[in-house]
Amino acid sequence: MLLRELVLILLLLLPVAAVVFTFWRERKQRAAISLMPFDELRRRPAGESVRLKWEEARERINDWLLFLVITPFVFAVALTFQSRVAYFDIAFAFLSTAVMAAFIQGSFGPC
């Protein structure tokens, strides 16, 4: 019973891991290519408007990420409490999570 729950949770968290990995990779790539061209500080640092947009997007995405992380657990618990789980139920839960992850990735990809 415990192994089945663990497998369901891990299966449903695959799309979540893909979204998190994509965000992490894009952030690491941006950090690798961004260098400050001047040593002295100006009144408004370079990229300030991008930083402000990033903060705004981060505030909007917090609710979506919470929803994205909780949904697979809800599906896994619902499937665990069923006496007999059909492959259709598992496929539906996985595809629902994958579609939601793709939607969130498309909505909040690069700023």
Protein backbone atom coordinates (compact mmCIF):
# COMPACT_ATOMS: atom_id res chain seq x y z
CA MET A 1 0.00 0.00 0.00
CA LEU A 2 2.77 2.44 0.90
CA LEU A 3 4.75 1.59 -2.24
CA ARG A 4 1.69 2.29 -4.40
CA GLU A 5 1.24 5.71 -2.78
CA LEU A 6 4.90 6.55 -3.27
CA VAL A 7 4.82 5.52 -6.93
CA LEU A 8 1.67 7.58 -7.56
CA ILE A 9 3.13 10.67 -5.92
CA LEU A 10 6.40 10.35 -7.83
CA LEU A 11 4.56 9.80 -11.11
CA LEU A 12 2.38 12.84 -10.60
CA LEU A 13 5.30 15.03 -9.54
CA LEU A 14 7.19 14.47 -12.81
CA PRO A 15 5.56 17.45 -14.59
CA VAL A 16 6.19 19.61 -11.52
CA ALA A 17 9.85 18.64 -11.55
CA ALA A 18 10.05 19.47 -15.26
CA VAL A 19 8.68 22.99 -14.65
CA VAL A 20 10.99 23.60 -11.71
CA PHE A 21 13.98 22.31 -13.68
CA THR A 22 13.13 24.57 -16.62
CA PHE A 23 12.86 27.64 -14.40
CA TRP A 24 16.13 26.74 -12.67
CA ARG A 25 17.97 26.20 -15.97
CA GLU A 26 16.74 29.50 -17.46
CA ARG A 27 17.71 31.37 -14.30
CA LYS A 28 21.18 29.80 -14.31
CA GLN A 29 21.67 30.66 -17.99
CA ARG A 30 20.64 34.29 -17.43
CA ALA A 31 22.96 34.57 -14.44
CA ALA A 32 25.87 33.15 -16.45
CA ILE A 33 25.60 35.74 -19.22
CA SER A 34 24.78 38.79 -17.12
CA LEU A 35 27.80 40.82 -16.13
CA MET A 36 27.82 44.35 -14.78
CA PRO A 37 29.54 46.52 -17.46
CA PHE A 38 30.56 49.31 -15.07
CA ASP A 39 32.34 49.23 -11.73
CA GLU A 40 30.80 52.41 -10.37
CA LEU A 41 27.18 52.55 -9.33
CA ARG A 42 24.80 54.66 -11.36
CA ARG A 43 21.60 56.22 -10.11
CA ARG A 44 19.55 53.39 -11.51
CA PRO A 45 21.38 50.09 -11.97
CA ALA A 46 21.29 48.30 -15.29
CA GLY A 47 18.37 45.92 -15.56
CA GLU A 48 16.26 47.63 -12.89
CA SER A 49 13.10 47.47 -15.00
CA VAL A 50 13.69 43.76 -15.63
CA ARG A 51 14.16 43.20 -11.90
CA LEU A 52 10.87 44.97 -11.19
CA LYS A 53 9.08 42.85 -13.81
CA TRP A 54 10.66 39.73 -12.31
CA GLU A 55 9.41 40.60 -8.84
CA GLU A 56 5.91 41.22 -10.17
CA ALA A 57 5.91 37.88 -12.00
CA ARG A 58 7.24 36.13 -8.90
CA GLU A 59 4.36 37.49 -6.83
CA ARG A 60 1.85 36.26 -9.41
CA ILE A 61 3.42 32.85 -9.77
CA ASN A 62 3.47 31.96 -6.06
CA ASP A 63 -0.21 30.98 -6.08
CA TRP A 64 0.20 28.93 -9.23
CA LEU A 65 3.23 27.09 -7.89
CA LEU A 66 1.38 26.24 -4.71
CA PHE A 67 -1.50 24.87 -6.81
CA LEU A 68 0.97 22.98 -9.02
CA VAL A 69 2.63 21.29 -6.05
CA ILE A 70 -0.55 20.43 -4.12
CA THR A 71 -2.53 19.02 -7.07
CA PRO A 72 -0.41 15.85 -7.57
CA PHE A 73 -0.70 15.05 -3.86
CA VAL A 74 -4.47 15.41 -4.00
CA PHE A 75 -4.65 13.11 -7.03
CA ALA A 76 -2.36 10.57 -5.33
CA VAL A 77 -4.43 10.54 -2.15
CA ALA A 78 -7.66 10.23 -4.14
CA LEU A 79 -6.24 7.31 -6.13
CA THR A 80 -4.88 5.67 -2.98
CA PHE A 81 -8.26 5.58 -1.27
CA GLN A 82 -9.92 3.85 -4.22
CA SER A 83 -10.28 0.13 -3.76
CA ARG A 84 -9.37 -0.58 -7.36
CA VAL A 85 -7.45 1.88 -9.51
CA ALA A 86 -7.86 1.71 -13.26
CA TYR A 87 -5.11 2.72 -15.64
CA PHE A 88 -7.45 5.39 -16.97
CA ASP A 89 -7.55 7.09 -13.57
CA ILE A 90 -3.77 7.19 -13.32
CA ALA A 91 -3.44 8.42 -16.90
CA PHE A 92 -6.06 11.11 -16.30
CA ALA A 93 -4.30 12.34 -13.16
CA PHE A 94 -0.91 12.35 -14.89
CA LEU A 95 -2.19 14.13 -18.00
CA SER A 96 -4.10 16.68 -15.93
CA THR A 97 -0.96 17.50 -13.97
CA ALA A 98 1.13 17.64 -17.16
CA VAL A 99 -1.33 19.96 -18.91
CA MET A 100 -1.45 22.22 -15.85
CA ALA A 101 2.36 22.29 -15.68
CA ALA A 102 2.60 23.13 -19.40
CA PHE A 103 0.03 25.92 -19.00
CA ILE A 104 1.93 27.40 -16.07
CA GLN A 105 5.24 27.10 -17.90
CA GLY A 106 3.77 28.87 -20.93
CA SER A 107 2.19 31.61 -18.85
CA PHE A 108 5.17 32.38 -16.65
CA GLY A 109 8.13 31.40 -18.77
CA PRO A 110 10.67 34.09 -19.61
CA CYS A 111 9.76 37.55 -18.39
